[in-house]
Amino acid sequence: MTDAVAEATGAAADDAVDPAAQPRRKSLLVRLDPAVYDALARWAADTFHSVNAQIEIVLREALRQAGRTPADMKPLRRPGRPSGA
Protein backbone atom coordinates (compact mmCIF):
# COMPACT_ATOMS: atom_id res chain seq x y z
CA MET A 1 0.00 0.00 0.00
CA THR A 2 1.45 3.35 -0.92
CA ASP A 3 1.67 6.11 1.68
CA ALA A 4 -0.82 8.23 -0.32
CA VAL A 5 -3.35 5.40 -0.38
CA ALA A 6 -2.71 4.65 3.27
CA GLU A 7 -3.34 8.29 4.19
CA ALA A 8 -6.49 8.46 2.07
CA THR A 9 -7.92 5.30 3.58
CA GLY A 10 -6.73 6.01 7.10
CA ALA A 11 -4.63 2.82 7.14
CA ALA A 12 -0.96 2.52 7.86
CA ALA A 13 1.30 1.26 5.09
CA ASP A 14 2.22 -1.68 7.36
CA ASP A 15 -1.46 -2.75 7.48
CA ALA A 16 -1.36 -3.84 3.82
CA VAL A 17 -2.54 -7.37 3.20
CA ASP A 18 -0.04 -9.57 1.43
CA PRO A 19 -1.84 -11.17 -1.57
CA ALA A 20 0.29 -14.30 -1.16
CA ALA A 21 -1.11 -14.71 2.36
CA GLN A 22 -4.69 -14.81 1.06
CA PRO A 23 -6.29 -18.23 0.65
CA ARG A 24 -6.16 -19.49 -2.90
CA ARG A 25 -9.75 -20.75 -2.71
CA LYS A 26 -12.84 -18.90 -1.56
CA SER A 27 -14.80 -20.21 1.40
CA LEU A 28 -18.55 -20.07 1.18
CA LEU A 29 -21.29 -20.91 3.62
CA VAL A 30 -24.18 -22.58 1.78
CA ARG A 31 -27.47 -23.47 3.40
CA LEU A 32 -29.04 -26.48 1.69
CA ASP A 33 -32.21 -28.44 2.15
CA PRO A 34 -31.17 -31.66 3.91
CA ALA A 35 -32.63 -33.76 1.08
CA VAL A 36 -30.56 -31.81 -1.47
CA TYR A 37 -27.43 -32.29 0.62
CA ASP A 38 -28.12 -36.02 0.95
CA ALA A 39 -28.60 -36.35 -2.82
CA LEU A 40 -25.33 -34.46 -3.43
CA ALA A 41 -23.52 -36.64 -0.86
CA ARG A 42 -24.74 -39.83 -2.56
CA TRP A 43 -23.76 -38.48 -5.99
CA ALA A 44 -20.33 -37.49 -4.68
CA ALA A 45 -19.81 -40.92 -3.13
CA ASP A 46 -20.76 -42.59 -6.41
CA THR A 47 -18.06 -40.62 -8.23
CA PHE A 48 -15.50 -40.77 -5.38
CA HIS A 49 -15.59 -37.00 -4.77
CA SER A 50 -16.16 -34.98 -1.63
CA VAL A 51 -19.44 -33.09 -1.37
CA ASN A 52 -17.47 -29.86 -1.76
CA ALA A 53 -15.85 -31.09 -4.99
CA GLN A 54 -19.22 -32.31 -6.30
CA ILE A 55 -20.78 -28.89 -5.69
CA GLU A 56 -17.92 -27.24 -7.57
CA ILE A 57 -18.30 -29.70 -10.46
CA VAL A 58 -22.03 -28.98 -10.69
CA LEU A 59 -21.48 -25.21 -10.56
CA ARG A 60 -18.75 -25.34 -13.23
CA GLU A 61 -21.00 -27.38 -15.50
CA ALA A 62 -23.86 -24.90 -14.98
CA LEU A 63 -21.52 -22.01 -15.88
CA ARG A 64 -20.37 -23.87 -19.00
CA GLN A 65 -23.94 -24.61 -20.12
CA ALA A 66 -24.94 -20.99 -19.57
CA GLY A 67 -21.95 -19.74 -21.58
CA ARG A 68 -20.58 -17.95 -18.52
CA THR A 69 -17.32 -19.80 -17.95
CA PRO A 70 -14.70 -17.28 -16.76
CA ALA A 71 -11.64 -17.09 -18.98
CA ASP A 72 -9.32 -17.17 -15.95
CA MET A 73 -10.94 -20.20 -14.29
CA LYS A 74 -8.35 -22.74 -13.20
CA PRO A 75 -8.95 -26.45 -13.83
CA LEU A 76 -10.17 -28.62 -11.00
CA ARG A 77 -7.51 -30.20 -8.83
CA ARG A 78 -6.97 -33.86 -9.60
CA PRO A 79 -8.63 -36.25 -7.13
CA GLY A 80 -6.62 -37.77 -4.32
CA ARG A 81 -4.10 -36.44 -1.91
CA PRO A 82 -1.91 -33.53 -2.97
CA SER A 83 1.62 -34.51 -3.89
CA GLY A 84 4.18 -33.96 -1.13
CA ALA A 85 6.34 -30.93 -1.65
PDB file of N, CA and C in Angstrom:
ATOM      1  N   MET A   1       0.860  -1.173   0.000  1.00  0.00           N
ATOM      2  CA  MET A   1       0.000   0.000   0.000  1.00  0.00           C
ATOM      3  C   MET A   1       0.898   1.224   0.000  1.00  0.00           C
ATOM      4  N   THR A   2       0.630   2.147  -0.882  1.00  0.00           N
ATOM      5  CA  THR A   2       1.448   3.351  -0.920  1.00  0.00           C
ATOM      6  C   THR A   2       1.052   4.254   0.229  1.00  0.00           C
ATOM      7  N   ASP A   3       1.967   5.194   0.581  1.00  0.00           N
ATOM      8  CA  ASP A   3       1.666   6.114   1.676  1.00  0.00           C
ATOM      9  C   ASP A   3       0.462   6.986   1.356  1.00  0.00           C
ATOM     10  N   ALA A   4       0.313   7.393   0.075  1.00  0.00           N
ATOM     11  CA  ALA A   4      -0.820   8.233  -0.316  1.00  0.00           C
ATOM     12  C   ALA A   4      -2.132   7.483  -0.147  1.00  0.00           C
ATOM     13  N   VAL A   5      -2.141   6.216  -0.549  1.00  0.00           N
ATOM     14  CA  VAL A   5      -3.347   5.401  -0.384  1.00  0.00           C
ATOM     15  C   VAL A   5      -3.611   5.156   1.086  1.00  0.00           C
ATOM     16  N   ALA A   6      -2.554   4.889   1.848  1.00  0.00           N
ATOM     17  CA  ALA A   6      -2.712   4.648   3.274  1.00  0.00           C
ATOM     18  C   ALA A   6      -3.305   5.873   3.963  1.00  0.00           C
ATOM     19  N   GLU A   7      -2.806   7.070   3.591  1.00  0.00           N
ATOM     20  CA  GLU A   7      -3.336   8.288   4.192  1.00  0.00           C
ATOM     21  C   GLU A   7      -4.788   8.507   3.796  1.00  0.00           C
ATOM     22  N   ALA A   8      -5.119   8.253   2.543  1.00  0.00           N
ATOM     23  CA  ALA A   8      -6.486   8.464   2.066  1.00  0.00           C
ATOM     24  C   ALA A   8      -7.470   7.502   2.716  1.00  0.00           C
ATOM     25  N   THR A   9      -7.020   6.293   3.000  1.00  0.00           N
ATOM     26  CA  THR A   9      -7.916   5.303   3.579  1.00  0.00           C
ATOM     27  C   THR A   9      -7.847   5.280   5.098  1.00  0.00           C
ATOM     28  N   GLY A  10      -6.878   5.993   5.662  1.00  0.00           N
ATOM     29  CA  GLY A  10      -6.728   6.006   7.102  1.00  0.00           C
ATOM     30  C   GLY A  10      -5.993   4.777   7.624  1.00  0.00           C
ATOM     31  N   ALA A  11      -5.362   4.023   6.738  1.00  0.00           N
ATOM     32  CA  ALA A  11      -4.634   2.824   7.144  1.00  0.00           C
ATOM     33  C   ALA A  11      -3.143   3.093   7.075  1.00  0.00           C
ATOM     34  N   ALA A  12      -2.413   2.410   7.893  1.00  0.00           N
ATOM     35  CA  ALA A  12      -0.963   2.522   7.857  1.00  0.00           C
ATOM     36  C   ALA A  12      -0.435   1.649   6.733  1.00  0.00           C
ATOM     37  N   ALA A  13       0.705   2.032   6.180  1.00  0.00           N
ATOM     38  CA  ALA A  13       1.304   1.259   5.092  1.00  0.00           C
ATOM     39  C   ALA A  13       1.619  -0.170   5.550  1.00  0.00           C
ATOM     40  N   ASP A  14       1.908  -0.353   6.843  1.00  0.00           N
ATOM     41  CA  ASP A  14       2.223  -1.683   7.360  1.00  0.00           C
ATOM     42  C   ASP A  14       0.989  -2.568   7.472  1.00  0.00           C
ATOM     43  N   ASP A  15      -0.215  -1.989   7.370  1.00  0.00           N
ATOM     44  CA  ASP A  15      -1.456  -2.752   7.475  1.00  0.00           C
ATOM     45  C   ASP A  15      -1.844  -3.415   6.165  1.00  0.00           C
ATOM     46  N   ALA A  16      -1.034  -3.258   5.127  1.00  0.00           N
ATOM     47  CA  ALA A  16      -1.362  -3.835   3.822  1.00  0.00           C
ATOM     48  C   ALA A  16      -1.431  -5.350   3.925  1.00  0.00           C
ATOM     49  N   VAL A  17      -2.375  -5.927   3.201  1.00  0.00           N
ATOM     50  CA  VAL A  17      -2.542  -7.373   3.200  1.00  0.00           C
ATOM     51  C   VAL A  17      -1.700  -7.946   2.076  1.00  0.00           C
ATOM     52  N   ASP A  18      -0.886  -8.912   2.413  1.00  0.00           N
ATOM     53  CA  ASP A  18      -0.039  -9.569   1.428  1.00  0.00           C
ATOM     54  C   ASP A  18      -0.913 -10.504   0.591  1.00  0.00           C
ATOM     55  N   PRO A  19      -0.998 -10.299  -0.745  1.00  0.00           N
ATOM     56  CA  PRO A  19      -1.840 -11.166  -1.571  1.00  0.00           C
ATOM     57  C   PRO A  19      -1.437 -12.635  -1.486  1.00  0.00           C
ATOM     58  N   ALA A  20      -0.165 -12.918  -1.255  1.00  0.00           N
ATOM     59  CA  ALA A  20       0.288 -14.300  -1.156  1.00  0.00           C
ATOM     60  C   ALA A  20      -0.248 -14.966   0.110  1.00  0.00           C
ATOM     61  N   ALA A  21      -0.594 -14.160   1.115  1.00  0.00           N
ATOM     62  CA  ALA A  21      -1.108 -14.709   2.365  1.00  0.00           C
ATOM     63  C   ALA A  21      -2.599 -15.025   2.273  1.00  0.00           C
ATOM     64  N   GLN A  22      -3.266 -14.554   1.234  1.00  0.00           N
ATOM     65  CA  GLN A  22      -4.691 -14.806   1.059  1.00  0.00           C
ATOM     66  C   GLN A  22      -4.913 -16.252   0.651  1.00  0.00           C
ATOM     67  N   PRO A  23      -6.011 -16.850   1.091  1.00  0.00           N
ATOM     68  CA  PRO A  23      -6.285 -18.225   0.651  1.00  0.00           C
ATOM     69  C   PRO A  23      -6.481 -18.276  -0.857  1.00  0.00           C
ATOM     70  N   ARG A  24      -6.052 -19.370  -1.452  1.00  0.00           N
ATOM     71  CA  ARG A  24      -6.162 -19.487  -2.902  1.00  0.00           C
ATOM     72  C   ARG A  24      -7.573 -19.854  -3.316  1.00  0.00           C
ATOM     73  N   ARG A  25      -8.382 -20.349  -2.406  1.00  0.00           N
ATOM     74  CA  ARG A  25      -9.752 -20.747  -2.713  1.00  0.00           C
ATOM     75  C   ARG A  25     -10.686 -19.948  -1.821  1.00  0.00           C
ATOM     76  N   LYS A  26     -11.839 -19.631  -2.332  1.00  0.00           N
ATOM     77  CA  LYS A  26     -12.841 -18.902  -1.559  1.00  0.00           C
ATOM     78  C   LYS A  26     -13.626 -19.867  -0.689  1.00  0.00           C
ATOM     79  N   SER A  27     -13.925 -19.450   0.517  1.00  0.00           N
ATOM     80  CA  SER A  27     -14.798 -20.215   1.399  1.00  0.00           C
ATOM     81  C   SER A  27     -16.192 -19.629   1.283  1.00  0.00           C
ATOM     82  N   LEU A  28     -17.175 -20.504   1.364  1.00  0.00           N
ATOM     83  CA  LEU A  28     -18.546 -20.066   1.179  1.00  0.00           C
ATOM     84  C   LEU A  28     -19.461 -20.898   2.059  1.00  0.00           C
ATOM     85  N   LEU A  29     -20.292 -20.227   2.821  1.00  0.00           N
ATOM     86  CA  LEU A  29     -21.291 -20.914   3.619  1.00  0.00           C
ATOM     87  C   LEU A  29     -22.537 -21.076   2.753  1.00  0.00           C
ATOM     88  N   VAL A  30     -22.998 -22.302   2.601  1.00  0.00           N
ATOM     89  CA  VAL A  30     -24.176 -22.575   1.784  1.00  0.00           C
ATOM     90  C   VAL A  30     -25.187 -23.301   2.658  1.00  0.00           C
ATOM     91  N   ARG A  31     -26.396 -22.799   2.671  1.00  0.00           N
ATOM     92  CA  ARG A  31     -27.469 -23.472   3.397  1.00  0.00           C
ATOM     93  C   ARG A  31     -28.272 -24.278   2.385  1.00  0.00           C
ATOM     94  N   LEU A  32     -28.347 -25.586   2.614  1.00  0.00           N
ATOM     95  CA  LEU A  32     -29.037 -26.477   1.689  1.00  0.00           C
ATOM     96  C   LEU A  32     -30.153 -27.214   2.409  1.00  0.00           C
ATOM     97  N   ASP A  33     -31.176 -27.535   1.654  1.00  0.00           N
ATOM     98  CA  ASP A  33     -32.208 -28.435   2.149  1.00  0.00           C
ATOM     99  C   ASP A  33     -31.527 -29.765   2.459  1.00  0.00           C
ATOM    100  N   PRO A  34     -31.834 -30.390   3.577  1.00  0.00           N
ATOM    101  CA  PRO A  34     -31.173 -31.656   3.915  1.00  0.00           C
ATOM    102  C   PRO A  34     -31.310 -32.723   2.827  1.00  0.00           C
ATOM    103  N   ALA A  35     -32.447 -32.767   2.149  1.00  0.00           N
ATOM    104  CA  ALA A  35     -32.635 -33.755   1.081  1.00  0.00           C
ATOM    105  C   ALA A  35     -31.703 -33.468  -0.092  1.00  0.00           C
ATOM    106  N   VAL A  36     -31.479 -32.185  -0.395  1.00  0.00           N
ATOM    107  CA  VAL A  36     -30.560 -31.806  -1.475  1.00  0.00           C
ATOM    108  C   VAL A  36     -29.139 -32.194  -1.087  1.00  0.00           C
ATOM    109  N   TYR A  37     -28.762 -31.920   0.161  1.00  0.00           N
ATOM    110  CA  TYR A  37     -27.426 -32.293   0.618  1.00  0.00           C
ATOM    111  C   TYR A  37     -27.234 -33.808   0.538  1.00  0.00           C
ATOM    112  N   ASP A  38     -28.225 -34.564   0.989  1.00  0.00           N
ATOM    113  CA  ASP A  38     -28.119 -36.025   0.953  1.00  0.00           C
ATOM    114  C   ASP A  38     -27.961 -36.535  -0.475  1.00  0.00           C
ATOM    115  N   ALA A  39     -28.710 -35.949  -1.411  1.00  0.00           N
ATOM    116  CA  ALA A  39     -28.596 -36.354  -2.816  1.00  0.00           C
ATOM    117  C   ALA A  39     -27.203 -36.025  -3.349  1.00  0.00           C
ATOM    118  N   LEU A  40     -26.686 -34.838  -3.008  1.00  0.00           N
ATOM    119  CA  LEU A  40     -25.326 -34.462  -3.426  1.00  0.00           C
ATOM    120  C   LEU A  40     -24.290 -35.396  -2.812  1.00  0.00           C
ATOM    121  N   ALA A  41     -24.475 -35.748  -1.545  1.00  0.00           N
ATOM    122  CA  ALA A  41     -23.524 -36.637  -0.865  1.00  0.00           C
ATOM    123  C   ALA A  41     -23.519 -38.017  -1.518  1.00  0.00           C
ATOM    124  N   ARG A  42     -24.684 -38.531  -1.883  1.00  0.00           N
ATOM    125  CA  ARG A  42     -24.744 -39.834  -2.559  1.00  0.00           C
ATOM    126  C   ARG A  42     -24.075 -39.762  -3.924  1.00  0.00           C
ATOM    127  N   TRP A  43     -24.356 -38.680  -4.673  1.00  0.00           N
ATOM    128  CA  TRP A  43     -23.763 -38.481  -5.991  1.00  0.00           C
ATOM    129  C   TRP A  43     -22.243 -38.398  -5.869  1.00  0.00           C
ATOM    130  N   ALA A  44     -21.779 -37.634  -4.887  1.00  0.00           N
ATOM    131  CA  ALA A  44     -20.331 -37.488  -4.677  1.00  0.00           C
ATOM    132  C   ALA A  44     -19.700 -38.834  -4.341  1.00  0.00           C
ATOM    133  N   ALA A  45     -20.347 -39.604  -3.503  1.00  0.00           N
ATOM    134  CA  ALA A  45     -19.812 -40.916  -3.130  1.00  0.00           C
ATOM    135  C   ALA A  45     -19.746 -41.840  -4.345  1.00  0.00           C
ATOM    136  N   ASP A  46     -20.747 -41.751  -5.207  1.00  0.00           N
ATOM    137  CA  ASP A  46     -20.762 -42.589  -6.412  1.00  0.00           C
ATOM    138  C   ASP A  46     -19.590 -42.278  -7.338  1.00  0.00           C
ATOM    139  N   THR A  47     -19.136 -41.031  -7.331  1.00  0.00           N
ATOM    140  CA  THR A  47     -18.056 -40.616  -8.226  1.00  0.00           C
ATOM    141  C   THR A  47     -16.725 -40.431  -7.483  1.00  0.00           C
ATOM    142  N   PHE A  48     -16.701 -40.854  -6.209  1.00  0.00           N
ATOM    143  CA  PHE A  48     -15.497 -40.774  -5.381  1.00  0.00           C
ATOM    144  C   PHE A  48     -14.992 -39.341  -5.207  1.00  0.00           C
ATOM    145  N   HIS A  49     -15.915 -38.402  -5.042  1.00  0.00           N
ATOM    146  CA  HIS A  49     -15.585 -37.004  -4.767  1.00  0.00           C
ATOM    147  C   HIS A  49     -16.089 -36.638  -3.381  1.00  0.00           C
ATOM    148  N   SER A  50     -15.575 -35.544  -2.845  1.00  0.00           N
ATOM    149  CA  SER A  50     -16.159 -34.979  -1.631  1.00  0.00           C
ATOM    150  C   SER A  50     -17.412 -34.207  -2.041  1.00  0.00           C
ATOM    151  N   VAL A  51     -18.254 -33.894  -1.072  1.00  0.00           N
ATOM    152  CA  VAL A  51     -19.440 -33.095  -1.371  1.00  0.00           C
ATOM    153  C   VAL A  51     -19.012 -31.731  -1.900  1.00  0.00           C
ATOM    154  N   ASN A  52     -17.962 -31.154  -1.310  1.00  0.00           N
ATOM    155  CA  ASN A  52     -17.471 -29.858  -1.764  1.00  0.00           C
ATOM    156  C   ASN A  52     -17.044 -29.914  -3.236  1.00  0.00           C
ATOM    157  N   ALA A  53     -16.293 -30.946  -3.603  1.00  0.00           N
ATOM    158  CA  ALA A  53     -15.853 -31.094  -4.993  1.00  0.00           C
ATOM    159  C   ALA A  53     -17.053 -31.293  -5.917  1.00  0.00           C
ATOM    160  N   GLN A  54     -18.041 -32.063  -5.462  1.00  0.00           N
ATOM    161  CA  GLN A  54     -19.218 -32.307  -6.296  1.00  0.00           C
ATOM    162  C   GLN A  54     -19.987 -31.013  -6.551  1.00  0.00           C
ATOM    163  N   ILE A  55     -20.106 -30.179  -5.518  1.00  0.00           N
ATOM    164  CA  ILE A  55     -20.780 -28.888  -5.686  1.00  0.00           C
ATOM    165  C   ILE A  55     -20.031 -28.038  -6.704  1.00  0.00           C
ATOM    166  N   GLU A  56     -18.696 -28.025  -6.616  1.00  0.00           N
ATOM    167  CA  GLU A  56     -17.917 -27.238  -7.571  1.00  0.00           C
ATOM    168  C   GLU A  56     -18.077 -27.785  -8.991  1.00  0.00           C
ATOM    169  N   ILE A  57     -18.107 -29.095  -9.149  1.00  0.00           N
ATOM    170  CA  ILE A  57     -18.304 -29.701 -10.465  1.00  0.00           C
ATOM    171  C   ILE A  57     -19.647 -29.283 -11.044  1.00  0.00           C
ATOM    172  N   VAL A  58     -20.688 -29.356 -10.234  1.00  0.00           N
ATOM    173  CA  VAL A  58     -22.035 -28.980 -10.694  1.00  0.00           C
ATOM    174  C   VAL A  58     -22.082 -27.495 -11.070  1.00  0.00           C
ATOM    175  N   LEU A  59     -21.473 -26.643 -10.258  1.00  0.00           N
ATOM    176  CA  LEU A  59     -21.476 -25.206 -10.561  1.00  0.00           C
ATOM    177  C   LEU A  59     -20.684 -24.902 -11.836  1.00  0.00           C
ATOM    178  N   ARG A  60     -19.542 -25.551 -12.009  1.00  0.00           N
ATOM    179  CA  ARG A  60     -18.750 -25.337 -13.229  1.00  0.00           C
ATOM    180  C   ARG A  60     -19.529 -25.771 -14.471  1.00  0.00           C
ATOM    181  N   GLU A  61     -20.215 -26.902 -14.369  1.00  0.00           N
ATOM    182  CA  GLU A  61     -21.002 -27.376 -15.503  1.00  0.00           C
ATOM    183  C   GLU A  61     -22.147 -26.409 -15.814  1.00  0.00           C
ATOM    184  N   ALA A  62     -22.783 -25.876 -14.772  1.00  0.00           N
ATOM    185  CA  ALA A  62     -23.856 -24.903 -14.979  1.00  0.00           C
ATOM    186  C   ALA A  62     -23.311 -23.636 -15.655  1.00  0.00           C
ATOM    187  N   LEU A  63     -22.142 -23.178 -15.235  1.00  0.00           N
ATOM    188  CA  LEU A  63     -21.520 -22.015 -15.882  1.00  0.00           C
ATOM    189  C   LEU A  63     -21.217 -22.300 -17.349  1.00  0.00           C
ATOM    190  N   ARG A  64     -20.691 -23.505 -17.622  1.00  0.00           N
ATOM    191  CA  ARG A  64     -20.369 -23.866 -19.004  1.00  0.00           C
ATOM    192  C   ARG A  64     -21.628 -23.890 -19.864  1.00  0.00           C
ATOM    193  N   GLN A  65     -22.692 -24.512 -19.357  1.00  0.00           N
ATOM    194  CA  GLN A  65     -23.938 -24.607 -20.121  1.00  0.00           C
ATOM    195  C   GLN A  65     -24.569 -23.237 -20.364  1.00  0.00           C
ATOM    196  N   ALA A  66     -24.380 -22.327 -19.424  1.00  0.00           N
ATOM    197  CA  ALA A  66     -24.939 -20.985 -19.566  1.00  0.00           C
ATOM    198  C   ALA A  66     -24.038 -20.067 -20.392  1.00  0.00           C
ATOM    199  N   GLY A  67     -22.881 -20.561 -20.817  1.00  0.00           N
ATOM    200  CA  GLY A  67     -21.952 -19.738 -21.583  1.00  0.00           C
ATOM    201  C   GLY A  67     -21.305 -18.665 -20.733  1.00  0.00           C
ATOM    202  N   ARG A  68     -21.129 -18.937 -19.449  1.00  0.00           N
ATOM    203  CA  ARG A  68     -20.577 -17.948 -18.517  1.00  0.00           C
ATOM    204  C   ARG A  68     -19.279 -18.408 -17.863  1.00  0.00           C
ATOM    205  N   THR A  69     -18.577 -19.315 -18.504  1.00  0.00           N
ATOM    206  CA  THR A  69     -17.324 -19.804 -17.949  1.00  0.00           C
ATOM    207  C   THR A  69     -16.288 -18.682 -17.963  1.00  0.00           C
ATOM    208  N   PRO A  70     -15.724 -18.339 -16.796  1.00  0.00           N
ATOM    209  CA  PRO A  70     -14.704 -17.281 -16.760  1.00  0.00           C
ATOM    210  C   PRO A  70     -13.440 -17.710 -17.501  1.00  0.00           C
ATOM    211  N   ALA A  71     -12.844 -16.792 -18.209  1.00  0.00           N
ATOM    212  CA  ALA A  71     -11.636 -17.090 -18.979  1.00  0.00           C
ATOM    213  C   ALA A  71     -10.468 -17.463 -18.069  1.00  0.00           C
ATOM    214  N   ASP A  72     -10.445 -16.926 -16.853  1.00  0.00           N
ATOM    215  CA  ASP A  72      -9.318 -17.172 -15.953  1.00  0.00           C
ATOM    216  C   ASP A  72      -9.589 -18.298 -14.951  1.00  0.00           C
ATOM    217  N   MET A  73     -10.608 -19.114 -15.207  1.00  0.00           N
ATOM    218  CA  MET A  73     -10.941 -20.204 -14.293  1.00  0.00           C
ATOM    219  C   MET A  73      -9.886 -21.303 -14.395  1.00  0.00           C
ATOM    220  N   LYS A  74      -9.365 -21.695 -13.239  1.00  0.00           N
ATOM    221  CA  LYS A  74      -8.348 -22.744 -13.201  1.00  0.00           C
ATOM    222  C   LYS A  74      -9.033 -24.105 -13.264  1.00  0.00           C
ATOM    223  N   PRO A  75      -8.355 -25.112 -13.797  1.00  0.00           N
ATOM    224  CA  PRO A  75      -8.955 -26.452 -13.830  1.00  0.00           C
ATOM    225  C   PRO A  75      -9.095 -27.010 -12.424  1.00  0.00           C
ATOM    226  N   LEU A  76      -9.996 -27.964 -12.288  1.00  0.00           N
ATOM    227  CA  LEU A  76     -10.166 -28.619 -10.998  1.00  0.00           C
ATOM    228  C   LEU A  76      -8.903 -29.375 -10.628  1.00  0.00           C
ATOM    229  N   ARG A  77      -8.636 -29.427  -9.331  1.00  0.00           N
ATOM    230  CA  ARG A  77      -7.509 -30.201  -8.833  1.00  0.00           C
ATOM    231  C   ARG A  77      -7.809 -31.675  -9.057  1.00  0.00           C
ATOM    232  N   ARG A  78      -6.797 -32.426  -9.388  1.00  0.00           N
ATOM    233  CA  ARG A  78      -6.968 -33.862  -9.602  1.00  0.00           C
ATOM    234  C   ARG A  78      -7.392 -34.518  -8.297  1.00  0.00           C
ATOM    235  N   PRO A  79      -8.194 -35.575  -8.358  1.00  0.00           N
ATOM    236  CA  PRO A  79      -8.631 -36.248  -7.129  1.00  0.00           C
ATOM    237  C   PRO A  79      -7.470 -36.907  -6.408  1.00  0.00           C
ATOM    238  N   GLY A  80      -7.643 -37.121  -5.134  1.00  0.00           N
ATOM    239  CA  GLY A  80      -6.622 -37.769  -4.318  1.00  0.00           C
ATOM    240  C   GLY A  80      -5.850 -36.776  -3.480  1.00  0.00           C
ATOM    241  N   ARG A  81      -4.905 -37.287  -2.777  1.00  0.00           N
ATOM    242  CA  ARG A  81      -4.099 -36.440  -1.912  1.00  0.00           C
ATOM    243  C   ARG A  81      -3.153 -35.587  -2.736  1.00  0.00           C
ATOM    244  N   PRO A  82      -2.898 -34.360  -2.268  1.00  0.00           N
ATOM    245  CA  PRO A  82      -1.913 -33.529  -2.966  1.00  0.00           C
ATOM    246  C   PRO A  82      -0.526 -34.171  -2.880  1.00  0.00           C
ATOM    247  N   SER A  83       0.272 -33.954  -3.903  1.00  0.00           N
ATOM    248  CA  SER A  83       1.619 -34.509  -3.892  1.00  0.00           C
ATOM    249  C   SER A  83       2.449 -33.806  -2.822  1.00  0.00           C
ATOM    250  N   GLY A  84       3.324 -34.528  -2.183  1.00  0.00           N
ATOM    251  CA  GLY A  84       4.177 -33.955  -1.134  1.00  0.00           C
ATOM    252  C   GLY A  84       5.214 -33.030  -1.734  1.00  0.00           C
ATOM    253  N   ALA A  85       5.378 -31.891  -1.116  1.00  0.00           N
ATOM    254  CA  ALA A  85       6.343 -30.928  -1.647  1.00  0.00           C
ATOM    255  C   ALA A  85       7.615 -30.917  -0.853  1.00  0.00           C
TER     256      ALA A  85
END
